[in-house]
Amino acid sequence: MSLTPEDGLKSLAKVMRVLNAFSTLHRSLSLTEICRATGFPKSTTHRLLAAMREAGLLDQDEQRDRYRLGMKLFELGNIVLANMELHREARPFVDMLTRQGGQAVHLAVFDGRRAIVIHRADIAPDKTAAPTMIEQAPVHCTSVGKAILAFQPEPVIARILAAGLPRFTDSTITDPTALRQELERIRERGYALDEGEHQPGLRCIGAPIRDRAAQVTAGISLTGPAWRLPVSEVEGMAKLVMHHANSISAALGCRMK
């Protein structure tokens, strides 16, 4: 019996649910853990995992019977980055901001829910004080995320607020009204601050990046330990971050009226 397009879409949705079960906190999962995360029966999950392993989407540790994301995803991810205009155009500005600011720099795109970091540059990657790599940045408590969220249409902001604002530190803004007020301040001054809201002890400054339609689709941030990025330097560093964000926007074809 041949598969219908509907059957193919259902299978694809199942594959995505398995892939989404993995994260930086859950790098390897057992069959039982994947079943729990997806809600699929063990027999269905076992067949699905076998097919995904055959396609290179998953790797399996035969001895421990645990699964990890496969190298095929790494290959596809590199192709995505190579084809992404933002990644190509922003690289020189990211490197320049890293040198001028003396801190780590993150470049992220908005996927509708989170800020996905596609490039990170660090002035001293071998130092133990360097910030932890962020792969999926929450938009409500990171400077790059808030810089993006502040300029989204109201329905997008409302959806993010309705989904909940998880607490990461004592400084995380978890009240929707307070976050709306914070977003208004960001729109007024043109940049966002993260005062240890996602990771304790870090201070981050983020600014929005606009595409050729002048829509905010990405952001860039400067991140460092609070002691190395004191409050007295925030205003000056913010101007630097906004300058490079605007330069990237211009490189992408944005012409603000």
C-alpha atoms as a PDB file:
ATOM      1  CA  MET A   1       0.000   0.000   0.000  1.00  0.00           C
ATOM      2  CA  SER A   2       1.476   3.361  -1.071  1.00  0.00           C
ATOM      3  CA  LEU A   3       1.853   6.278   1.314  1.00  0.00           C
ATOM      4  CA  THR A   4      -0.315   9.345   0.855  1.00  0.00           C
ATOM      5  CA  PRO A   5       1.043  12.910   1.238  1.00  0.00           C
ATOM      6  CA  GLU A   6      -0.804  13.056   4.566  1.00  0.00           C
ATOM      7  CA  ASP A   7       1.066   9.945   5.750  1.00  0.00           C
ATOM      8  CA  GLY A   8       4.360  11.572   4.774  1.00  0.00           C
ATOM      9  CA  LEU A   9       3.537  14.725   6.736  1.00  0.00           C
ATOM     10  CA  LYS A  10       2.610  12.681   9.797  1.00  0.00           C
ATOM     11  CA  SER A  11       5.924  10.803   9.577  1.00  0.00           C
ATOM     12  CA  LEU A  12       7.821  14.058   9.223  1.00  0.00           C
ATOM     13  CA  ALA A  13       6.038  15.459  12.270  1.00  0.00           C
ATOM     14  CA  LYS A  14       7.091  12.378  14.255  1.00  0.00           C
ATOM     15  CA  VAL A  15      10.704  12.796  13.162  1.00  0.00           C
ATOM     16  CA  MET A  16      10.648  16.433  14.311  1.00  0.00           C
ATOM     17  CA  ARG A  17       9.214  15.460  17.700  1.00  0.00           C
ATOM     18  CA  VAL A  18      12.115  13.056  18.198  1.00  0.00           C
ATOM     19  CA  LEU A  19      14.706  15.638  17.146  1.00  0.00           C
ATOM     20  CA  ASN A  20      13.155  18.260  19.413  1.00  0.00           C
ATOM     21  CA  ALA A  21      13.544  15.908  22.383  1.00  0.00           C
ATOM     22  CA  PHE A  22      17.304  16.578  22.291  1.00  0.00           C
ATOM     23  CA  SER A  23      18.927  19.702  23.691  1.00  0.00           C
ATOM     24  CA  THR A  24      22.169  20.923  25.214  1.00  0.00           C
ATOM     25  CA  LEU A  25      20.882  19.594  28.531  1.00  0.00           C
ATOM     26  CA  HIS A  26      19.733  16.268  27.037  1.00  0.00           C
ATOM     27  CA  ARG A  27      22.532  15.370  24.641  1.00  0.00           C
ATOM     28  CA  SER A  28      21.852  11.630  24.682  1.00  0.00           C
ATOM     29  CA  LEU A  29      18.581   9.808  25.322  1.00  0.00           C
ATOM     30  CA  SER A  30      17.513   6.199  25.775  1.00  0.00           C
ATOM     31  CA  LEU A  31      14.564   4.631  23.976  1.00  0.00           C
ATOM     32  CA  THR A  32      12.471   4.968  27.128  1.00  0.00           C
ATOM     33  CA  GLU A  33      13.378   8.640  27.527  1.00  0.00           C
ATOM     34  CA  ILE A  34      12.494   9.396  23.905  1.00  0.00           C
ATOM     35  CA  CYS A  35       9.156   7.617  24.325  1.00  0.00           C
ATOM     36  CA  ARG A  36       8.465   9.724  27.401  1.00  0.00           C
ATOM     37  CA  ALA A  37       9.426  12.952  25.622  1.00  0.00           C
ATOM     38  CA  THR A  38       7.408  12.259  22.469  1.00  0.00           C
ATOM     39  CA  GLY A  39       4.502  10.257  23.839  1.00  0.00           C
ATOM     40  CA  PHE A  40       5.014   7.602  21.150  1.00  0.00           C
ATOM     41  CA  PRO A  41       4.592   3.850  21.886  1.00  0.00           C
ATOM     42  CA  LYS A  42       7.823   1.921  22.265  1.00  0.00           C
ATOM     43  CA  SER A  43       7.288  -0.155  19.093  1.00  0.00           C
ATOM     44  CA  THR A  44       6.633   2.948  16.967  1.00  0.00           C
ATOM     45  CA  THR A  45       9.581   4.780  18.481  1.00  0.00           C
ATOM     46  CA  HIS A  46      11.938   1.859  17.926  1.00  0.00           C
ATOM     47  CA  ARG A  47      11.074   1.694  14.203  1.00  0.00           C
ATOM     48  CA  LEU A  48      11.352   5.463  13.863  1.00  0.00           C
ATOM     49  CA  LEU A  49      14.755   5.576  15.578  1.00  0.00           C
ATOM     50  CA  ALA A  50      16.066   2.808  13.335  1.00  0.00           C
ATOM     51  CA  ALA A  51      15.022   4.728  10.215  1.00  0.00           C
ATOM     52  CA  MET A  52      16.505   7.975  11.530  1.00  0.00           C
ATOM     53  CA  ARG A  53      19.776   6.250  12.366  1.00  0.00           C
ATOM     54  CA  GLU A  54      19.892   4.788   8.857  1.00  0.00           C
ATOM     55  CA  ALA A  55      19.434   8.307   7.434  1.00  0.00           C
ATOM     56  CA  GLY A  56      22.221   9.705   9.610  1.00  0.00           C
ATOM     57  CA  LEU A  57      19.899  11.875  11.675  1.00  0.00           C
ATOM     58  CA  LEU A  58      20.766   9.935  14.838  1.00  0.00           C
ATOM     59  CA  ASP A  59      23.791   8.064  16.158  1.00  0.00           C
ATOM     60  CA  GLN A  60      23.468   5.197  18.615  1.00  0.00           C
ATOM     61  CA  ASP A  61      25.750   4.046  21.383  1.00  0.00           C
ATOM     62  CA  GLU A  62      25.253   0.294  20.966  1.00  0.00           C
ATOM     63  CA  GLN A  63      26.655  -0.609  24.384  1.00  0.00           C
ATOM     64  CA  ARG A  64      24.572   1.849  26.382  1.00  0.00           C
ATOM     65  CA  ASP A  65      21.611   1.866  23.965  1.00  0.00           C
ATOM     66  CA  ARG A  66      21.496   5.665  23.913  1.00  0.00           C
ATOM     67  CA  TYR A  67      20.902   7.978  20.967  1.00  0.00           C
ATOM     68  CA  ARG A  68      22.476  11.291  19.948  1.00  0.00           C
ATOM     69  CA  LEU A  69      21.851  13.708  17.110  1.00  0.00           C
ATOM     70  CA  GLY A  70      23.694  12.528  14.008  1.00  0.00           C
ATOM     71  CA  MET A  71      26.391  14.159  11.895  1.00  0.00           C
ATOM     72  CA  LYS A  72      23.992  14.549   8.974  1.00  0.00           C
ATOM     73  CA  LEU A  73      22.292  17.329  10.914  1.00  0.00           C
ATOM     74  CA  PHE A  74      25.686  19.024  11.353  1.00  0.00           C
ATOM     75  CA  GLU A  75      26.278  18.826   7.607  1.00  0.00           C
ATOM     76  CA  LEU A  76      22.841  20.279   6.859  1.00  0.00           C
ATOM     77  CA  GLY A  77      23.334  22.993   9.470  1.00  0.00           C
ATOM     78  CA  ASN A  78      26.569  24.086   7.826  1.00  0.00           C
ATOM     79  CA  ILE A  79      24.790  24.297   4.481  1.00  0.00           C
ATOM     80  CA  VAL A  80      22.076  26.441   6.055  1.00  0.00           C
ATOM     81  CA  LEU A  81      24.671  28.819   7.514  1.00  0.00           C
ATOM     82  CA  ALA A  82      26.600  28.995   4.248  1.00  0.00           C
ATOM     83  CA  ASN A  83      23.405  29.936   2.413  1.00  0.00           C
ATOM     84  CA  MET A  84      22.225  32.409   5.062  1.00  0.00           C
ATOM     85  CA  GLU A  85      22.763  35.996   3.929  1.00  0.00           C
ATOM     86  CA  LEU A  86      22.810  37.280   7.500  1.00  0.00           C
ATOM     87  CA  HIS A  87      25.604  34.897   8.460  1.00  0.00           C
ATOM     88  CA  ARG A  88      27.737  35.962   5.492  1.00  0.00           C
ATOM     89  CA  GLU A  89      27.147  39.707   5.736  1.00  0.00           C
ATOM     90  CA  ALA A  90      27.429  39.976   9.523  1.00  0.00           C
ATOM     91  CA  ARG A  91      30.703  38.112  10.069  1.00  0.00           C
ATOM     92  CA  PRO A  92      33.073  41.090   9.605  1.00  0.00           C
ATOM     93  CA  PHE A  93      30.938  43.284  11.870  1.00  0.00           C
ATOM     94  CA  VAL A  94      30.749  40.574  14.537  1.00  0.00           C
ATOM     95  CA  ASP A  95      34.530  40.220  14.490  1.00  0.00           C
ATOM     96  CA  MET A  96      35.026  43.989  14.603  1.00  0.00           C
ATOM     97  CA  LEU A  97      32.616  44.419  17.523  1.00  0.00           C
ATOM     98  CA  THR A  98      34.421  41.644  19.382  1.00  0.00           C
ATOM     99  CA  ARG A  99      37.752  43.424  19.004  1.00  0.00           C
ATOM    100  CA  GLN A 100      36.406  46.890  19.791  1.00  0.00           C
ATOM    101  CA  GLY A 101      34.194  45.828  22.699  1.00  0.00           C
ATOM    102  CA  GLY A 102      36.618  43.331  24.188  1.00  0.00           C
ATOM    103  CA  GLN A 103      33.748  40.943  25.026  1.00  0.00           C
ATOM    104  CA  ALA A 104      31.964  37.966  23.506  1.00  0.00           C
ATOM    105  CA  VAL A 105      29.512  38.733  20.699  1.00  0.00           C
ATOM    106  CA  HIS A 106      26.420  36.735  19.754  1.00  0.00           C
ATOM    107  CA  LEU A 107      24.547  36.928  16.447  1.00  0.00           C
ATOM    108  CA  ALA A 108      21.042  35.463  16.555  1.00  0.00           C
ATOM    109  CA  VAL A 109      17.976  35.068  14.355  1.00  0.00           C
ATOM    110  CA  PHE A 110      14.355  34.928  15.518  1.00  0.00           C
ATOM    111  CA  ASP A 111      12.444  31.708  14.815  1.00  0.00           C
ATOM    112  CA  GLY A 112       9.135  32.993  16.134  1.00  0.00           C
ATOM    113  CA  ARG A 113       9.718  31.699  19.659  1.00  0.00           C
ATOM    114  CA  ARG A 114      13.409  31.952  20.494  1.00  0.00           C
ATOM    115  CA  ALA A 115      16.568  33.721  19.405  1.00  0.00           C
ATOM    116  CA  ILE A 116      18.748  31.103  17.724  1.00  0.00           C
ATOM    117  CA  VAL A 117      22.446  31.929  17.979  1.00  0.00           C
ATOM    118  CA  ILE A 118      24.071  31.291  14.595  1.00  0.00           C
ATOM    119  CA  HIS A 119      27.487  32.774  15.342  1.00  0.00           C
ATOM    120  CA  ARG A 120      29.524  33.527  18.436  1.00  0.00           C
ATOM    121  CA  ALA A 121      32.870  35.279  18.637  1.00  0.00           C
ATOM    122  CA  ASP A 122      34.954  35.583  21.794  1.00  0.00           C
ATOM    123  CA  ILE A 123      37.904  37.872  22.389  1.00  0.00           C
ATOM    124  CA  ALA A 124      39.592  35.138  24.466  1.00  0.00           C
ATOM    125  CA  PRO A 125      37.919  31.740  23.923  1.00  0.00           C
ATOM    126  CA  ASP A 126      40.415  29.941  26.148  1.00  0.00           C
ATOM    127  CA  LYS A 127      39.642  32.001  29.262  1.00  0.00           C
ATOM    128  CA  THR A 128      37.590  30.328  31.955  1.00  0.00           C
ATOM    129  CA  ALA A 129      35.669  33.576  32.485  1.00  0.00           C
ATOM    130  CA  ALA A 130      34.226  33.436  28.984  1.00  0.00           C
ATOM    131  CA  PRO A 131      30.425  33.115  28.900  1.00  0.00           C
ATOM    132  CA  THR A 132      28.776  29.779  28.205  1.00  0.00           C
ATOM    133  CA  MET A 133      27.740  29.133  24.619  1.00  0.00           C
ATOM    134  CA  ILE A 134      24.079  29.951  24.042  1.00  0.00           C
ATOM    135  CA  GLU A 135      22.389  27.981  21.270  1.00  0.00           C
ATOM    136  CA  GLN A 136      18.756  28.866  21.920  1.00  0.00           C
ATOM    137  CA  ALA A 137      18.356  32.165  23.711  1.00  0.00           C
ATOM    138  CA  PRO A 138      15.036  32.873  25.466  1.00  0.00           C
ATOM    139  CA  VAL A 139      13.656  36.140  24.094  1.00  0.00           C
ATOM    140  CA  HIS A 140      12.338  37.415  27.439  1.00  0.00           C
ATOM    141  CA  CYS A 141      15.568  37.365  29.432  1.00  0.00           C
ATOM    142  CA  THR A 142      18.540  37.815  27.087  1.00  0.00           C
ATOM    143  CA  SER A 143      19.617  41.111  25.588  1.00  0.00           C
ATOM    144  CA  VAL A 144      19.695  39.773  22.029  1.00  0.00           C
ATOM    145  CA  GLY A 145      16.267  38.190  22.548  1.00  0.00           C
ATOM    146  CA  LYS A 146      14.678  41.282  24.090  1.00  0.00           C
ATOM    147  CA  ALA A 147      16.185  43.492  21.382  1.00  0.00           C
ATOM    148  CA  ILE A 148      14.393  41.342  18.814  1.00  0.00           C
ATOM    149  CA  LEU A 149      11.143  40.885  20.737  1.00  0.00           C
ATOM    150  CA  ALA A 150      10.676  44.618  21.409  1.00  0.00           C
ATOM    151  CA  PHE A 151      10.208  45.304  17.700  1.00  0.00           C
ATOM    152  CA  GLN A 152       7.871  42.421  16.861  1.00  0.00           C
ATOM    153  CA  PRO A 153       4.186  42.927  15.969  1.00  0.00           C
ATOM    154  CA  GLU A 154       1.788  42.875  18.913  1.00  0.00           C
ATOM    155  CA  PRO A 155       0.385  39.382  18.117  1.00  0.00           C
ATOM    156  CA  VAL A 156       3.907  37.934  18.337  1.00  0.00           C
ATOM    157  CA  ILE A 157       4.606  39.642  21.659  1.00  0.00           C
ATOM    158  CA  ALA A 158       1.242  38.507  23.030  1.00  0.00           C
ATOM    159  CA  ARG A 159       1.968  34.908  21.987  1.00  0.00           C
ATOM    160  CA  ILE A 160       5.362  34.937  23.716  1.00  0.00           C
ATOM    161  CA  LEU A 161       3.827  36.334  26.913  1.00  0.00           C
ATOM    162  CA  ALA A 162       0.975  33.814  26.829  1.00  0.00           C
ATOM    163  CA  ALA A 163       3.441  30.925  26.526  1.00  0.00           C
ATOM    164  CA  GLY A 164       4.931  31.853  29.903  1.00  0.00           C
ATOM    165  CA  LEU A 165       8.114  33.547  31.063  1.00  0.00           C
ATOM    166  CA  PRO A 166      10.337  30.940  32.770  1.00  0.00           C
ATOM    167  CA  ARG A 167      12.617  32.110  35.565  1.00  0.00           C
ATOM    168  CA  PHE A 168      16.337  31.476  35.097  1.00  0.00           C
ATOM    169  CA  THR A 169      17.762  33.716  37.838  1.00  0.00           C
ATOM    170  CA  ASP A 170      16.486  36.004  40.576  1.00  0.00           C
ATOM    171  CA  SER A 171      16.682  38.864  38.058  1.00  0.00           C
ATOM    172  CA  THR A 172      14.542  37.262  35.340  1.00  0.00           C
ATOM    173  CA  ILE A 173      11.458  39.291  34.435  1.00  0.00           C
ATOM    174  CA  THR A 174       8.545  36.868  34.733  1.00  0.00           C
ATOM    175  CA  ASP A 175       5.646  39.329  34.992  1.00  0.00           C
ATOM    176  CA  PRO A 176       4.060  40.114  31.573  1.00  0.00           C
ATOM    177  CA  THR A 177       3.265  43.720  32.510  1.00  0.00           C
ATOM    178  CA  ALA A 178       6.823  44.341  33.682  1.00  0.00           C
ATOM    179  CA  LEU A 179       8.206  42.805  30.501  1.00  0.00           C
ATOM    180  CA  ARG A 180       5.970  45.000  28.349  1.00  0.00           C
ATOM    181  CA  GLN A 181       7.341  48.035  30.193  1.00  0.00           C
ATOM    182  CA  GLU A 182      10.879  46.775  29.590  1.00  0.00           C
ATOM    183  CA  LEU A 183      10.165  46.335  25.863  1.00  0.00           C
ATOM    184  CA  GLU A 184       8.862  49.910  25.688  1.00  0.00           C
ATOM    185  CA  ARG A 185      12.133  51.176  27.216  1.00  0.00           C
ATOM    186  CA  ILE A 186      14.070  49.165  24.646  1.00  0.00           C
ATOM    187  CA  ARG A 187      12.115  50.719  21.774  1.00  0.00           C
ATOM    188  CA  GLU A 188      12.779  54.196  23.165  1.00  0.00           C
ATOM    189  CA  ARG A 189      16.553  53.843  23.600  1.00  0.00           C
ATOM    190  CA  GLY A 190      17.227  51.385  20.765  1.00  0.00           C
ATOM    191  CA  TYR A 191      19.029  48.683  22.747  1.00  0.00           C
ATOM    192  CA  ALA A 192      18.329  46.005  25.359  1.00  0.00           C
ATOM    193  CA  LEU A 193      20.093  45.093  28.594  1.00  0.00           C
ATOM    194  CA  ASP A 194      20.369  41.746  30.337  1.00  0.00           C
ATOM    195  CA  GLU A 195      21.453  42.264  33.933  1.00  0.00           C
ATOM    196  CA  GLY A 196      22.102  38.646  34.915  1.00  0.00           C
ATOM    197  CA  GLU A 197      18.571  37.683  33.862  1.00  0.00           C
ATOM    198  CA  HIS A 198      19.581  34.532  31.985  1.00  0.00           C
ATOM    199  CA  GLN A 199      22.942  33.692  33.532  1.00  0.00           C
ATOM    200  CA  PRO A 200      24.043  35.091  36.909  1.00  0.00           C
ATOM    201  CA  GLY A 201      26.921  37.529  36.848  1.00  0.00           C
ATOM    202  CA  LEU A 202      26.685  38.410  33.153  1.00  0.00           C
ATOM    203  CA  ARG A 203      25.841  41.791  31.668  1.00  0.00           C
ATOM    204  CA  CYS A 204      24.741  41.875  28.032  1.00  0.00           C
ATOM    205  CA  ILE A 205      23.845  44.649  25.588  1.00  0.00           C
ATOM    206  CA  GLY A 206      21.779  43.783  22.518  1.00  0.00           C
ATOM    207  CA  ALA A 207      20.493  45.671  19.477  1.00  0.00           C
ATOM    208  CA  PRO A 208      18.071  44.744  16.687  1.00  0.00           C
ATOM    209  CA  ILE A 209      19.020  43.916  13.099  1.00  0.00           C
ATOM    210  CA  ARG A 210      16.580  44.705  10.281  1.00  0.00           C
ATOM    211  CA  ASP A 211      16.201  42.984   6.925  1.00  0.00           C
ATOM    212  CA  ARG A 212      15.685  44.731   3.580  1.00  0.00           C
ATOM    213  CA  ALA A 213      12.009  45.160   4.441  1.00  0.00           C
ATOM    214  CA  ALA A 214      13.063  46.989   7.639  1.00  0.00           C
ATOM    215  CA  GLN A 215      11.610  44.175   9.769  1.00  0.00           C
ATOM    216  CA  VAL A 216      13.545  43.072  12.859  1.00  0.00           C
ATOM    217  CA  THR A 217      14.483  39.458  12.212  1.00  0.00           C
ATOM    218  CA  ALA A 218      17.765  39.182  14.109  1.00  0.00           C
ATOM    219  CA  GLY A 219      19.934  40.777  16.759  1.00  0.00           C
ATOM    220  CA  ILE A 220      23.495  41.160  17.959  1.00  0.00           C
ATOM    221  CA  SER A 221      24.765  41.396  21.521  1.00  0.00           C
ATOM    222  CA  LEU A 222      27.900  42.093  23.510  1.00  0.00           C
ATOM    223  CA  THR A 223      28.263  39.826  26.547  1.00  0.00           C
ATOM    224  CA  GLY A 224      30.694  39.776  29.442  1.00  0.00           C
ATOM    225  CA  PRO A 225      31.042  39.301  33.195  1.00  0.00           C
ATOM    226  CA  ALA A 226      29.516  42.254  35.040  1.00  0.00           C
ATOM    227  CA  TRP A 227      32.888  43.113  36.597  1.00  0.00           C
ATOM    228  CA  ARG A 228      34.448  43.368  33.128  1.00  0.00           C
ATOM    229  CA  LEU A 229      31.524  45.314  31.665  1.00  0.00           C
ATOM    230  CA  PRO A 230      30.691  47.849  34.404  1.00  0.00           C
ATOM    231  CA  VAL A 231      27.556  49.996  34.424  1.00  0.00           C
ATOM    232  CA  SER A 232      29.667  53.073  33.709  1.00  0.00           C
ATOM    233  CA  GLU A 233      30.578  51.631  30.290  1.00  0.00           C
ATOM    234  CA  VAL A 234      27.096  50.488  29.257  1.00  0.00           C
ATOM    235  CA  GLU A 235      26.040  53.656  27.436  1.00  0.00           C
ATOM    236  CA  GLY A 236      29.223  53.843  25.381  1.00  0.00           C
ATOM    237  CA  MET A 237      29.168  50.125  24.566  1.00  0.00           C
ATOM    238  CA  ALA A 238      25.477  50.349  23.649  1.00  0.00           C
ATOM    239  CA  LYS A 239      26.291  52.972  20.998  1.00  0.00           C
ATOM    240  CA  LEU A 240      28.947  50.628  19.621  1.00  0.00           C
ATOM    241  CA  VAL A 241      26.549  47.657  19.507  1.00  0.00           C
ATOM    242  CA  MET A 242      23.824  49.738  17.830  1.00  0.00           C
ATOM    243  CA  HIS A 243      26.322  51.057  15.280  1.00  0.00           C
ATOM    244  CA  HIS A 244      27.294  47.547  14.204  1.00  0.00           C
ATOM    245  CA  ALA A 245      23.662  46.366  14.249  1.00  0.00           C
ATOM    246  CA  ASN A 246      22.765  49.237  11.927  1.00  0.00           C
ATOM    247  CA  SER A 247      25.754  48.455   9.703  1.00  0.00           C
ATOM    248  CA  ILE A 248      24.625  44.838   9.370  1.00  0.00           C
ATOM    249  CA  SER A 249      21.078  46.022   8.585  1.00  0.00           C
ATOM    250  CA  ALA A 250      22.450  48.263   5.838  1.00  0.00           C
ATOM    251  CA  ALA A 251      24.529  45.378   4.444  1.00  0.00           C
ATOM    252  CA  LEU A 252      21.318  43.328   4.270  1.00  0.00           C
ATOM    253  CA  GLY A 253      19.683  46.062   2.182  1.00  0.00           C
ATOM    254  CA  CYS A 254      17.706  47.867   4.873  1.00  0.00           C
ATOM    255  CA  ARG A 255      17.106  51.514   4.047  1.00  0.00           C
ATOM    256  CA  MET A 256      15.374  53.170   6.977  1.00  0.00           C
ATOM    257  CA  LYS A 257      13.284  56.210   6.060  1.00  0.00           C
END
